[in-house]
PDB file of N, CA and C in Angstrom:
ATOM      1  N   MET A   1       2.508 -17.572  -1.084  1.00  0.00           N
ATOM      2  CA  MET A   1       1.156 -17.028  -1.082  1.00  0.00           C
ATOM      3  C   MET A   1       1.203 -15.528  -1.346  1.00  0.00           C
ATOM      4  N   ILE A   2       0.366 -15.061  -2.218  1.00  0.00           N
ATOM      5  CA  ILE A   2       0.261 -13.644  -2.546  1.00  0.00           C
ATOM      6  C   ILE A   2      -0.577 -12.964  -1.474  1.00  0.00           C
ATOM      7  N   THR A   3      -0.122 -11.814  -1.016  1.00  0.00           N
ATOM      8  CA  THR A   3      -0.898 -11.012  -0.078  1.00  0.00           C
ATOM      9  C   THR A   3      -1.125  -9.644  -0.706  1.00  0.00           C
ATOM     10  N   LEU A   4      -2.371  -9.192  -0.645  1.00  0.00           N
ATOM     11  CA  LEU A   4      -2.748  -7.874  -1.134  1.00  0.00           C
ATOM     12  C   LEU A   4      -3.095  -7.034   0.085  1.00  0.00           C
ATOM     13  N   TYR A   5      -2.378  -5.937   0.265  1.00  0.00           N
ATOM     14  CA  TYR A   5      -2.573  -5.068   1.423  1.00  0.00           C
ATOM     15  C   TYR A   5      -3.337  -3.817   1.006  1.00  0.00           C
ATOM     16  N   GLY A   6      -4.269  -3.388   1.856  1.00  0.00           N
ATOM     17  CA  GLY A   6      -4.998  -2.160   1.587  1.00  0.00           C
ATOM     18  C   GLY A   6      -6.204  -2.020   2.473  1.00  0.00           C
ATOM     19  N   ILE A   7      -7.182  -1.265   1.983  1.00  0.00           N
ATOM     20  CA  ILE A   7      -8.465  -1.109   2.672  1.00  0.00           C
ATOM     21  C   ILE A   7      -9.562  -1.490   1.681  1.00  0.00           C
ATOM     22  N   PRO A   8     -10.572  -2.214   2.153  1.00  0.00           N
ATOM     23  CA  PRO A   8     -11.527  -2.832   1.231  1.00  0.00           C
ATOM     24  C   PRO A   8     -12.380  -1.872   0.399  1.00  0.00           C
ATOM     25  N   ASN A   9     -12.629  -0.667   0.883  1.00  0.00           N
ATOM     26  CA  ASN A   9     -13.509   0.232   0.135  1.00  0.00           C
ATOM     27  C   ASN A   9     -12.772   1.072  -0.905  1.00  0.00           C
ATOM     28  N   CYS A  10     -11.472   0.866  -1.062  1.00  0.00           N
ATOM     29  CA  CYS A  10     -10.660   1.600  -2.038  1.00  0.00           C
ATOM     30  C   CYS A  10     -10.953   1.074  -3.449  1.00  0.00           C
ATOM     31  N   ASP A  11     -11.217   1.971  -4.373  1.00  0.00           N
ATOM     32  CA  ASP A  11     -11.526   1.574  -5.756  1.00  0.00           C
ATOM     33  C   ASP A  11     -10.378   0.816  -6.413  1.00  0.00           C
ATOM     34  N   THR A  12      -9.145   1.235  -6.147  1.00  0.00           N
ATOM     35  CA  THR A  12      -7.995   0.566  -6.752  1.00  0.00           C
ATOM     36  C   THR A  12      -7.838  -0.847  -6.188  1.00  0.00           C
ATOM     37  N   ILE A  13      -8.121  -1.005  -4.911  1.00  0.00           N
ATOM     38  CA  ILE A  13      -8.099  -2.344  -4.296  1.00  0.00           C
ATOM     39  C   ILE A  13      -9.148  -3.218  -4.966  1.00  0.00           C
ATOM     40  N   LYS A  14     -10.320  -2.670  -5.185  1.00  0.00           N
ATOM     41  CA  LYS A  14     -11.397  -3.439  -5.831  1.00  0.00           C
ATOM     42  C   LYS A  14     -10.969  -3.906  -7.226  1.00  0.00           C
ATOM     43  N   LYS A  15     -10.302  -3.039  -7.973  1.00  0.00           N
ATOM     44  CA  LYS A  15      -9.825  -3.405  -9.311  1.00  0.00           C
ATOM     45  C   LYS A  15      -8.776  -4.507  -9.225  1.00  0.00           C
ATOM     46  N   ALA A  16      -7.845  -4.370  -8.283  1.00  0.00           N
ATOM     47  CA  ALA A  16      -6.782  -5.367  -8.128  1.00  0.00           C
ATOM     48  C   ALA A  16      -7.371  -6.720  -7.721  1.00  0.00           C
ATOM     49  N   ARG A  17      -8.324  -6.699  -6.799  1.00  0.00           N
ATOM     50  CA  ARG A  17      -8.943  -7.955  -6.347  1.00  0.00           C
ATOM     51  C   ARG A  17      -9.709  -8.612  -7.489  1.00  0.00           C
ATOM     52  N   LYS A  18     -10.392  -7.802  -8.263  1.00  0.00           N
ATOM     53  CA  LYS A  18     -11.145  -8.325  -9.407  1.00  0.00           C
ATOM     54  C   LYS A  18     -10.186  -8.969 -10.420  1.00  0.00           C
ATOM     55  N   TRP A  19      -9.060  -8.293 -10.674  1.00  0.00           N
ATOM     56  CA  TRP A  19      -8.074  -8.841 -11.615  1.00  0.00           C
ATOM     57  C   TRP A  19      -7.512 -10.163 -11.095  1.00  0.00           C
ATOM     58  N   LEU A  20      -7.128 -10.195  -9.824  1.00  0.00           N
ATOM     59  CA  LEU A  20      -6.558 -11.412  -9.240  1.00  0.00           C
ATOM     60  C   LEU A  20      -7.553 -12.575  -9.332  1.00  0.00           C
ATOM     61  N   GLU A  21      -8.814 -12.297  -9.031  1.00  0.00           N
ATOM     62  CA  GLU A  21      -9.833 -13.346  -9.082  1.00  0.00           C
ATOM     63  C   GLU A  21     -10.101 -13.799 -10.514  1.00  0.00           C
ATOM     64  N   ALA A  22     -10.154 -12.860 -11.448  1.00  0.00           N
ATOM     65  CA  ALA A  22     -10.406 -13.193 -12.852  1.00  0.00           C
ATOM     66  C   ALA A  22      -9.260 -14.007 -13.451  1.00  0.00           C
ATOM     67  N   ASN A  23      -8.059 -13.845 -12.892  1.00  0.00           N
ATOM     68  CA  ASN A  23      -6.885 -14.554 -13.400  1.00  0.00           C
ATOM     69  C   ASN A  23      -6.485 -15.741 -12.516  1.00  0.00           C
ATOM     70  N   ASP A  24      -7.438 -16.186 -11.702  1.00  0.00           N
ATOM     71  CA  ASP A  24      -7.256 -17.374 -10.851  1.00  0.00           C
ATOM     72  C   ASP A  24      -5.991 -17.323 -10.000  1.00  0.00           C
ATOM     73  N   CYS A  25      -5.711 -16.152  -9.437  1.00  0.00           N
ATOM     74  CA  CYS A  25      -4.566 -16.009  -8.538  1.00  0.00           C
ATOM     75  C   CYS A  25      -5.060 -16.122  -7.099  1.00  0.00           C
ATOM     76  N   ASP A  26      -4.573 -17.131  -6.404  1.00  0.00           N
ATOM     77  CA  ASP A  26      -4.914 -17.250  -4.987  1.00  0.00           C
ATOM     78  C   ASP A  26      -4.194 -16.152  -4.234  1.00  0.00           C
ATOM     79  N   TYR A  27      -4.921 -15.474  -3.371  1.00  0.00           N
ATOM     80  CA  TYR A  27      -4.301 -14.407  -2.591  1.00  0.00           C
ATOM     81  C   TYR A  27      -5.034 -14.267  -1.266  1.00  0.00           C
ATOM     82  N   GLN A  28      -4.347 -13.625  -0.355  1.00  0.00           N
ATOM     83  CA  GLN A  28      -4.923 -13.295   0.939  1.00  0.00           C
ATOM     84  C   GLN A  28      -5.038 -11.778   0.986  1.00  0.00           C
ATOM     85  N   PHE A  29      -6.159 -11.265   1.485  1.00  0.00           N
ATOM     86  CA  PHE A  29      -6.323  -9.812   1.610  1.00  0.00           C
ATOM     87  C   PHE A  29      -6.027  -9.406   3.047  1.00  0.00           C
ATOM     88  N   HIS A  30      -5.175  -8.405   3.196  1.00  0.00           N
ATOM     89  CA  HIS A  30      -4.817  -7.881   4.516  1.00  0.00           C
ATOM     90  C   HIS A  30      -5.351  -6.457   4.616  1.00  0.00           C
ATOM     91  N   ASP A  31      -6.343  -6.271   5.462  1.00  0.00           N
ATOM     92  CA  ASP A  31      -6.988  -4.973   5.671  1.00  0.00           C
ATOM     93  C   ASP A  31      -6.169  -4.186   6.697  1.00  0.00           C
ATOM     94  N   PHE A  32      -5.555  -3.081   6.253  1.00  0.00           N
ATOM     95  CA  PHE A  32      -4.740  -2.271   7.151  1.00  0.00           C
ATOM     96  C   PHE A  32      -5.512  -1.845   8.392  1.00  0.00           C
ATOM     97  N   ARG A  33      -6.757  -1.473   8.218  1.00  0.00           N
ATOM     98  CA  ARG A  33      -7.534  -0.956   9.346  1.00  0.00           C
ATOM     99  C   ARG A  33      -7.922  -2.068  10.320  1.00  0.00           C
ATOM    100  N   LYS A  34      -8.340  -3.191   9.797  1.00  0.00           N
ATOM    101  CA  LYS A  34      -8.799  -4.290  10.646  1.00  0.00           C
ATOM    102  C   LYS A  34      -7.637  -5.137  11.170  1.00  0.00           C
ATOM    103  N   ASP A  35      -6.678  -5.439  10.301  1.00  0.00           N
ATOM    104  CA  ASP A  35      -5.591  -6.345  10.651  1.00  0.00           C
ATOM    105  C   ASP A  35      -4.340  -5.629  11.141  1.00  0.00           C
ATOM    106  N   GLY A  36      -4.290  -4.306  10.966  1.00  0.00           N
ATOM    107  CA  GLY A  36      -3.142  -3.532  11.412  1.00  0.00           C
ATOM    108  C   GLY A  36      -1.942  -3.680  10.489  1.00  0.00           C
ATOM    109  N   LEU A  37      -0.858  -3.065  10.897  1.00  0.00           N
ATOM    110  CA  LEU A  37       0.389  -3.128  10.139  1.00  0.00           C
ATOM    111  C   LEU A  37       1.535  -3.017  11.131  1.00  0.00           C
ATOM    112  N   GLN A  38       2.446  -3.963  11.063  1.00  0.00           N
ATOM    113  CA  GLN A  38       3.594  -3.963  11.967  1.00  0.00           C
ATOM    114  C   GLN A  38       4.624  -2.930  11.508  1.00  0.00           C
ATOM    115  N   GLU A  39       5.187  -2.221  12.460  1.00  0.00           N
ATOM    116  CA  GLU A  39       6.186  -1.196  12.156  1.00  0.00           C
ATOM    117  C   GLU A  39       7.354  -1.782  11.372  1.00  0.00           C
ATOM    118  N   GLN A  40       7.818  -2.968  11.764  1.00  0.00           N
ATOM    119  CA  GLN A  40       8.962  -3.573  11.100  1.00  0.00           C
ATOM    120  C   GLN A  40       8.662  -3.879   9.626  1.00  0.00           C
ATOM    121  N   GLN A  41       7.420  -4.311   9.359  1.00  0.00           N
ATOM    122  CA  GLN A  41       7.039  -4.602   7.974  1.00  0.00           C
ATOM    123  C   GLN A  41       7.043  -3.324   7.140  1.00  0.00           C
ATOM    124  N   LEU A  42       6.458  -2.259   7.681  1.00  0.00           N
ATOM    125  CA  LEU A  42       6.447  -0.982   6.970  1.00  0.00           C
ATOM    126  C   LEU A  42       7.871  -0.489   6.734  1.00  0.00           C
ATOM    127  N   LYS A  43       8.733  -0.617   7.732  1.00  0.00           N
ATOM    128  CA  LYS A  43      10.125  -0.177   7.565  1.00  0.00           C
ATOM    129  C   LYS A  43      10.842  -0.987   6.485  1.00  0.00           C
ATOM    130  N   SER A  44      10.525  -2.274   6.384  1.00  0.00           N
ATOM    131  CA  SER A  44      11.175  -3.070   5.330  1.00  0.00           C
ATOM    132  C   SER A  44      10.660  -2.654   3.953  1.00  0.00           C
ATOM    133  N   TRP A  45       9.373  -2.315   3.849  1.00  0.00           N
ATOM    134  CA  TRP A  45       8.840  -1.805   2.581  1.00  0.00           C
ATOM    135  C   TRP A  45       9.515  -0.486   2.217  1.00  0.00           C
ATOM    136  N   VAL A  46       9.669   0.394   3.211  1.00  0.00           N
ATOM    137  CA  VAL A  46      10.308   1.692   2.978  1.00  0.00           C
ATOM    138  C   VAL A  46      11.749   1.487   2.506  1.00  0.00           C
ATOM    139  N   ALA A  47      12.468   0.558   3.131  1.00  0.00           N
ATOM    140  CA  ALA A  47      13.846   0.289   2.735  1.00  0.00           C
ATOM    141  C   ALA A  47      13.907  -0.243   1.302  1.00  0.00           C
ATOM    142  N   GLU A  48      12.928  -1.054   0.932  1.00  0.00           N
ATOM    143  CA  GLU A  48      12.923  -1.661  -0.409  1.00  0.00           C
ATOM    144  C   GLU A  48      12.372  -0.721  -1.476  1.00  0.00           C
ATOM    145  N   LEU A  49      11.264  -0.050  -1.168  1.00  0.00           N
ATOM    146  CA  LEU A  49      10.522   0.708  -2.182  1.00  0.00           C
ATOM    147  C   LEU A  49      10.687   2.221  -2.076  1.00  0.00           C
ATOM    148  N   GLY A  50      11.023   2.714  -0.880  1.00  0.00           N
ATOM    149  CA  GLY A  50      11.129   4.153  -0.644  1.00  0.00           C
ATOM    150  C   GLY A  50       9.852   4.717  -0.040  1.00  0.00           C
ATOM    151  N   TRP A  51       9.996   5.594   0.938  1.00  0.00           N
ATOM    152  CA  TRP A  51       8.814   6.153   1.591  1.00  0.00           C
ATOM    153  C   TRP A  51       8.016   7.039   0.647  1.00  0.00           C
ATOM    154  N   GLU A  52       8.698   7.674  -0.314  1.00  0.00           N
ATOM    155  CA  GLU A  52       7.995   8.547  -1.255  1.00  0.00           C
ATOM    156  C   GLU A  52       7.016   7.753  -2.122  1.00  0.00           C
ATOM    157  N   VAL A  53       7.366   6.504  -2.436  1.00  0.00           N
ATOM    158  CA  VAL A  53       6.493   5.639  -3.232  1.00  0.00           C
ATOM    159  C   VAL A  53       5.285   5.199  -2.403  1.00  0.00           C
ATOM    160  N   LEU A  54       5.522   4.920  -1.130  1.00  0.00           N
ATOM    161  CA  LEU A  54       4.462   4.383  -0.273  1.00  0.00           C
ATOM    162  C   LEU A  54       3.504   5.438   0.267  1.00  0.00           C
ATOM    163  N   LEU A  55       3.961   6.656   0.453  1.00  0.00           N
ATOM    164  CA  LEU A  55       3.118   7.701   1.036  1.00  0.00           C
ATOM    165  C   LEU A  55       2.171   8.273  -0.012  1.00  0.00           C
ATOM    166  N   ASN A  56       0.880   8.129   0.246  1.00  0.00           N
ATOM    167  CA  ASN A  56      -0.142   8.616  -0.678  1.00  0.00           C
ATOM    168  C   ASN A  56      -0.448  10.079  -0.377  1.00  0.00           C
ATOM    169  N   LYS A  57       0.108  10.961  -1.196  1.00  0.00           N
ATOM    170  CA  LYS A  57      -0.111  12.398  -0.998  1.00  0.00           C
ATOM    171  C   LYS A  57      -1.338  12.905  -1.748  1.00  0.00           C
ATOM    172  N   ARG A  58      -2.054  12.005  -2.413  1.00  0.00           N
ATOM    173  CA  ARG A  58      -3.232  12.431  -3.175  1.00  0.00           C
ATOM    174  C   ARG A  58      -4.534  12.206  -2.409  1.00  0.00           C
ATOM    175  N   GLY A  59      -4.438  11.545  -1.271  1.00  0.00           N
ATOM    176  CA  GLY A  59      -5.637  11.183  -0.531  1.00  0.00           C
ATOM    177  C   GLY A  59      -6.090  12.241   0.461  1.00  0.00           C
ATOM    178  N   THR A  60      -7.295  12.058   0.945  1.00  0.00           N
ATOM    179  CA  THR A  60      -7.914  12.966   1.913  1.00  0.00           C
ATOM    180  C   THR A  60      -7.121  13.040   3.204  1.00  0.00           C
ATOM    181  N   THR A  61      -6.634  11.902   3.668  1.00  0.00           N
ATOM    182  CA  THR A  61      -5.913  11.874   4.950  1.00  0.00           C
ATOM    183  C   THR A  61      -4.677  12.758   4.893  1.00  0.00           C
ATOM    184  N   TRP A  62      -3.946  12.714   3.780  1.00  0.00           N
ATOM    185  CA  TRP A  62      -2.769  13.581   3.621  1.00  0.00           C
ATOM    186  C   TRP A  62      -3.187  15.049   3.575  1.00  0.00           C
ATOM    187  N   ARG A  63      -4.206  15.346   2.806  1.00  0.00           N
ATOM    188  CA  ARG A  63      -4.642  16.742   2.653  1.00  0.00           C
ATOM    189  C   ARG A  63      -5.124  17.333   3.969  1.00  0.00           C
ATOM    190  N   GLN A  64      -5.571  16.493   4.894  1.00  0.00           N
ATOM    191  CA  GLN A  64      -6.062  16.977   6.187  1.00  0.00           C
ATOM    192  C   GLN A  64      -4.935  17.256   7.180  1.00  0.00           C
ATOM    193  N   GLN A  65      -3.714  16.863   6.834  1.00  0.00           N
ATOM    194  CA  GLN A  65      -2.583  17.087   7.738  1.00  0.00           C
ATOM    195  C   GLN A  65      -2.214  18.571   7.751  1.00  0.00           C
ATOM    196  N   PRO A  66      -1.756  19.062   8.906  1.00  0.00           N
ATOM    197  CA  PRO A  66      -1.326  20.468   8.984  1.00  0.00           C
ATOM    198  C   PRO A  66      -0.166  20.736   8.017  1.00  0.00           C
ATOM    199  N   ASP A  67      -0.104  21.963   7.522  1.00  0.00           N
ATOM    200  CA  ASP A  67       0.929  22.344   6.559  1.00  0.00           C
ATOM    201  C   ASP A  67       2.338  22.108   7.081  1.00  0.00           C
ATOM    202  N   ASP A  68       2.565  22.357   8.389  1.00  0.00           N
ATOM    203  CA  ASP A  68       3.925  22.182   8.917  1.00  0.00           C
ATOM    204  C   ASP A  68       4.367  20.720   8.821  1.00  0.00           C
ATOM    205  N   ILE A  69       3.453  19.789   8.971  1.00  0.00           N
ATOM    206  CA  ILE A  69       3.785  18.363   8.819  1.00  0.00           C
ATOM    207  C   ILE A  69       4.087  18.057   7.356  1.00  0.00           C
ATOM    208  N   LYS A  70       3.229  18.545   6.464  1.00  0.00           N
ATOM    209  CA  LYS A  70       3.419  18.277   5.038  1.00  0.00           C
ATOM    210  C   LYS A  70       4.719  18.878   4.514  1.00  0.00           C
ATOM    211  N   GLU A  71       5.092  20.041   5.013  1.00  0.00           N
ATOM    212  CA  GLU A  71       6.286  20.723   4.524  1.00  0.00           C
ATOM    213  C   GLU A  71       7.583  20.144   5.084  1.00  0.00           C
ATOM    214  N   SER A  72       7.504  19.460   6.223  1.00  0.00           N
ATOM    215  CA  SER A  72       8.728  18.940   6.846  1.00  0.00           C
ATOM    216  C   SER A  72       8.806  17.414   6.805  1.00  0.00           C
ATOM    217  N   ILE A  73       8.023  16.798   5.944  1.00  0.00           N
ATOM    218  CA  ILE A  73       7.970  15.329   5.885  1.00  0.00           C
ATOM    219  C   ILE A  73       9.329  14.742   5.485  1.00  0.00           C
ATOM    220  N   ASP A  74       9.719  13.702   6.183  1.00  0.00           N
ATOM    221  CA  ASP A  74      10.926  12.953   5.859  1.00  0.00           C
ATOM    222  C   ASP A  74      10.611  11.479   6.117  1.00  0.00           C
ATOM    223  N   GLU A  75      11.604  10.620   5.967  1.00  0.00           N
ATOM    224  CA  GLU A  75      11.349   9.187   6.103  1.00  0.00           C
ATOM    225  C   GLU A  75      10.772   8.827   7.473  1.00  0.00           C
ATOM    226  N   ALA A  76      11.365   9.321   8.531  1.00  0.00           N
ATOM    227  CA  ALA A  76      10.920   8.976   9.884  1.00  0.00           C
ATOM    228  C   ALA A  76       9.488   9.451  10.139  1.00  0.00           C
ATOM    229  N   SER A  77       9.192  10.699   9.769  1.00  0.00           N
ATOM    230  CA  SER A  77       7.844  11.214  10.011  1.00  0.00           C
ATOM    231  C   SER A  77       6.829  10.562   9.076  1.00  0.00           C
ATOM    232  N   ALA A  78       7.255  10.177   7.876  1.00  0.00           N
ATOM    233  CA  ALA A  78       6.350   9.478   6.953  1.00  0.00           C
ATOM    234  C   ALA A  78       5.966   8.116   7.521  1.00  0.00           C
ATOM    235  N   ILE A  79       6.936   7.402   8.064  1.00  0.00           N
ATOM    236  CA  ILE A  79       6.658   6.095   8.678  1.00  0.00           C
ATOM    237  C   ILE A  79       5.695   6.266   9.844  1.00  0.00           C
ATOM    238  N   GLU A  80       5.948   7.261  10.674  1.00  0.00           N
ATOM    239  CA  GLU A  80       5.077   7.540  11.819  1.00  0.00           C
ATOM    240  C   GLU A  80       3.643   7.800  11.359  1.00  0.00           C
ATOM    241  N   LEU A  81       3.488   8.652  10.341  1.00  0.00           N
ATOM    242  CA  LEU A  81       2.158   8.976   9.820  1.00  0.00           C
ATOM    243  C   LEU A  81       1.458   7.748   9.234  1.00  0.00           C
ATOM    244  N   MET A  82       2.194   6.944   8.452  1.00  0.00           N
ATOM    245  CA  MET A  82       1.586   5.771   7.824  1.00  0.00           C
ATOM    246  C   MET A  82       1.175   4.729   8.859  1.00  0.00           C
ATOM    247  N   LEU A  83       1.925   4.632   9.959  1.00  0.00           N
ATOM    248  CA  LEU A  83       1.523   3.710  11.022  1.00  0.00           C
ATOM    249  C   LEU A  83       0.278   4.221  11.739  1.00  0.00           C
ATOM    250  N   GLU A  84       0.214   5.533  11.949  1.00  0.00           N
ATOM    251  CA  GLU A  84      -0.946   6.123  12.622  1.00  0.00           C
ATOM    252  C   GLU A  84      -2.172   6.149  11.718  1.00  0.00           C
ATOM    253  N   TYR A  85      -1.962   6.430  10.435  1.00  0.00           N
ATOM    254  CA  TYR A  85      -3.045   6.528   9.457  1.00  0.00           C
ATOM    255  C   TYR A  85      -2.752   5.595   8.290  1.00  0.00           C
ATOM    256  N   PRO A  86      -3.076   4.312   8.404  1.00  0.00           N
ATOM    257  CA  PRO A  86      -2.757   3.362   7.331  1.00  0.00           C
ATOM    258  C   PRO A  86      -3.377   3.727   5.975  1.00  0.00           C
ATOM    259  N   ALA A  87      -4.422   4.531   5.983  1.00  0.00           N
ATOM    260  CA  ALA A  87      -5.028   4.959   4.716  1.00  0.00           C
ATOM    261  C   ALA A  87      -4.076   5.848   3.926  1.00  0.00           C
ATOM    262  N   MET A  88      -3.000   6.313   4.556  1.00  0.00           N
ATOM    263  CA  MET A  88      -2.012   7.140   3.863  1.00  0.00           C
ATOM    264  C   MET A  88      -1.044   6.302   3.032  1.00  0.00           C
ATOM    265  N   ILE A  89      -1.117   4.992   3.162  1.00  0.00           N
ATOM    266  CA  ILE A  89      -0.242   4.133   2.368  1.00  0.00           C
ATOM    267  C   ILE A  89      -0.873   3.959   0.995  1.00  0.00           C
ATOM    268  N   LYS A  90      -0.083   4.220  -0.033  1.00  0.00           N
ATOM    269  CA  LYS A  90      -0.567   4.070  -1.402  1.00  0.00           C
ATOM    270  C   LYS A  90      -0.993   2.625  -1.606  1.00  0.00           C
ATOM    271  N   ARG A  91      -2.110   2.436  -2.257  1.00  0.00           N
ATOM    272  CA  ARG A  91      -2.699   1.107  -2.380  1.00  0.00           C
ATOM    273  C   ARG A  91      -2.869   0.719  -3.834  1.00  0.00           C
ATOM    274  N   PRO A  92      -2.904  -0.598  -4.004  1.00  0.00           N
ATOM    275  CA  PRO A  92      -2.585  -1.662  -3.060  1.00  0.00           C
ATOM    276  C   PRO A  92      -1.086  -1.903  -2.984  1.00  0.00           C
ATOM    277  N   VAL A  93      -0.694  -2.618  -1.935  1.00  0.00           N
ATOM    278  CA  VAL A  93       0.652  -3.168  -1.873  1.00  0.00           C
ATOM    279  C   VAL A  93       0.486  -4.663  -2.117  1.00  0.00           C
ATOM    280  N   LEU A  94       1.078  -5.135  -3.193  1.00  0.00           N
ATOM    281  CA  LEU A  94       1.021  -6.550  -3.551  1.00  0.00           C
ATOM    282  C   LEU A  94       2.341  -7.188  -3.140  1.00  0.00           C
ATOM    283  N   ASP A  95       2.264  -8.273  -2.385  1.00  0.00           N
ATOM    284  CA  ASP A  95       3.456  -8.982  -1.941  1.00  0.00           C
ATOM    285  C   ASP A  95       3.375 -10.417  -2.437  1.00  0.00           C
ATOM    286  N   THR A  96       4.266 -10.777  -3.342  1.00  0.00           N
ATOM    287  CA  THR A  96       4.269 -12.141  -3.885  1.00  0.00           C
ATOM    288  C   THR A  96       5.139 -13.067  -3.050  1.00  0.00           C
ATOM    289  N   GLY A  97       5.811 -12.513  -2.056  1.00  0.00           N
ATOM    290  CA  GLY A  97       6.774 -13.275  -1.280  1.00  0.00           C
ATOM    291  C   GLY A  97       8.183 -12.952  -1.744  1.00  0.00           C
ATOM    292  N   ALA A  98       8.343 -12.732  -3.042  1.00  0.00           N
ATOM    293  CA  ALA A  98       9.651 -12.390  -3.606  1.00  0.00           C
ATOM    294  C   ALA A  98       9.709 -10.937  -4.069  1.00  0.00           C
ATOM    295  N   VAL A  99       8.550 -10.397  -4.437  1.00  0.00           N
ATOM    296  CA  VAL A  99       8.482  -9.055  -5.020  1.00  0.00           C
ATOM    297  C   VAL A  99       7.344  -8.272  -4.367  1.00  0.00           C
ATOM    298  N   ARG A 100       7.570  -6.981  -4.124  1.00  0.00           N
ATOM    299  CA  ARG A 100       6.533  -6.083  -3.647  1.00  0.00           C
ATOM    300  C   ARG A 100       6.247  -5.064  -4.740  1.00  0.00           C
ATOM    301  N   LYS A 101       4.978  -4.755  -4.937  1.00  0.00           N
ATOM    302  CA  LYS A 101       4.544  -3.819  -5.982  1.00  0.00           C
ATOM    303  C   LYS A 101       3.519  -2.878  -5.364  1.00  0.00           C
ATOM    304  N   VAL A 102       3.648  -1.590  -5.620  1.00  0.00           N
ATOM    305  CA  VAL A 102       2.709  -0.598  -5.090  1.00  0.00           C
ATOM    306  C   VAL A 102       1.859  -0.071  -6.232  1.00  0.00           C
ATOM    307  N   GLY A 103       0.557  -0.004  -6.009  1.00  0.00           N
ATOM    308  CA  GLY A 103      -0.367   0.466  -7.031  1.00  0.00           C
ATOM    309  C   GLY A 103      -0.860  -0.696  -7.876  1.00  0.00           C
ATOM    310  N   PHE A 104      -1.777  -0.403  -8.783  1.00  0.00           N
ATOM    311  CA  PHE A 104      -2.319  -1.448  -9.642  1.00  0.00           C
ATOM    312  C   PHE A 104      -2.343  -0.998 -11.094  1.00  0.00           C
ATOM    313  N   LYS A 105      -1.719  -1.811 -11.928  1.00  0.00           N
ATOM    314  CA  LYS A 105      -1.839  -1.701 -13.385  1.00  0.00           C
ATOM    315  C   LYS A 105      -1.972  -3.128 -13.872  1.00  0.00           C
ATOM    316  N   ASP A 106      -3.016  -3.414 -14.628  1.00  0.00           N
ATOM    317  CA  ASP A 106      -3.255  -4.790 -15.055  1.00  0.00           C
ATOM    318  C   ASP A 106      -2.078  -5.358 -15.846  1.00  0.00           C
ATOM    319  N   THR A 107      -1.416  -4.523 -16.646  1.00  0.00           N
ATOM    320  CA  THR A 107      -0.285  -5.013 -17.436  1.00  0.00           C
ATOM    321  C   THR A 107       0.890  -5.419 -16.526  1.00  0.00           C
ATOM    322  N   GLU A 108       1.106  -4.669 -15.454  1.00  0.00           N
ATOM    323  CA  GLU A 108       2.181  -5.008 -14.529  1.00  0.00           C
ATOM    324  C   GLU A 108       1.850  -6.274 -13.743  1.00  0.00           C
ATOM    325  N   TYR A 109       0.595  -6.411 -13.339  1.00  0.00           N
ATOM    326  CA  TYR A 109       0.186  -7.630 -12.630  1.00  0.00           C
ATOM    327  C   TYR A 109       0.322  -8.833 -13.563  1.00  0.00           C
ATOM    328  N   ALA A 110      -0.061  -8.677 -14.819  1.00  0.00           N
ATOM    329  CA  ALA A 110       0.037  -9.773 -15.780  1.00  0.00           C
ATOM    330  C   ALA A 110       1.500 -10.181 -15.976  1.00  0.00           C
ATOM    331  N   ALA A 111       2.396  -9.206 -16.088  1.00  0.00           N
ATOM    332  CA  ALA A 111       3.820  -9.508 -16.259  1.00  0.00           C
ATOM    333  C   ALA A 111       4.394 -10.195 -15.027  1.00  0.00           C
ATOM    334  N   LEU A 112       3.960  -9.768 -13.857  1.00  0.00           N
ATOM    335  CA  LEU A 112       4.478 -10.302 -12.611  1.00  0.00           C
ATOM    336  C   LEU A 112       3.886 -11.671 -12.272  1.00  0.00           C
ATOM    337  N   LEU A 113       2.592 -11.829 -12.538  1.00  0.00           N
ATOM    338  CA  LEU A 113       1.889 -13.035 -12.094  1.00  0.00           C
ATOM    339  C   LEU A 113       1.441 -13.935 -13.238  1.00  0.00           C
ATOM    340  N   GLY A 114       1.603 -13.431 -14.484  1.00  0.00           N
ATOM    341  CA  GLY A 114       1.118 -14.113 -15.670  1.00  0.00           C
ATOM    342  C   GLY A 114       1.593 -15.514 -15.793  1.00  0.00           C
TER     343      GLY A 114
END
């Protein structure tokens, strides 16, 4: 089963969901804010994909962090921040069961799920 992780009001999530539905891909949506995120799951994503890929430094939540946090960010503190502020996780995270993909590009989804 495909799981799409994110927050429902995110424009990129909306695009990914629209693509999945238009291409008849059954999926489950996991809302970080409502459904939470287990620390162990985030750590496994970090081990597989890298914390730099998962941490969204372009969003409002990141920009609101104090400069000392932003300047001293490392894997441990990034995990801590993403668990505390799930909106800091780059979206969407697509999990096919075998492959995890961060972000949305229709061509990549087509290659992966086509």
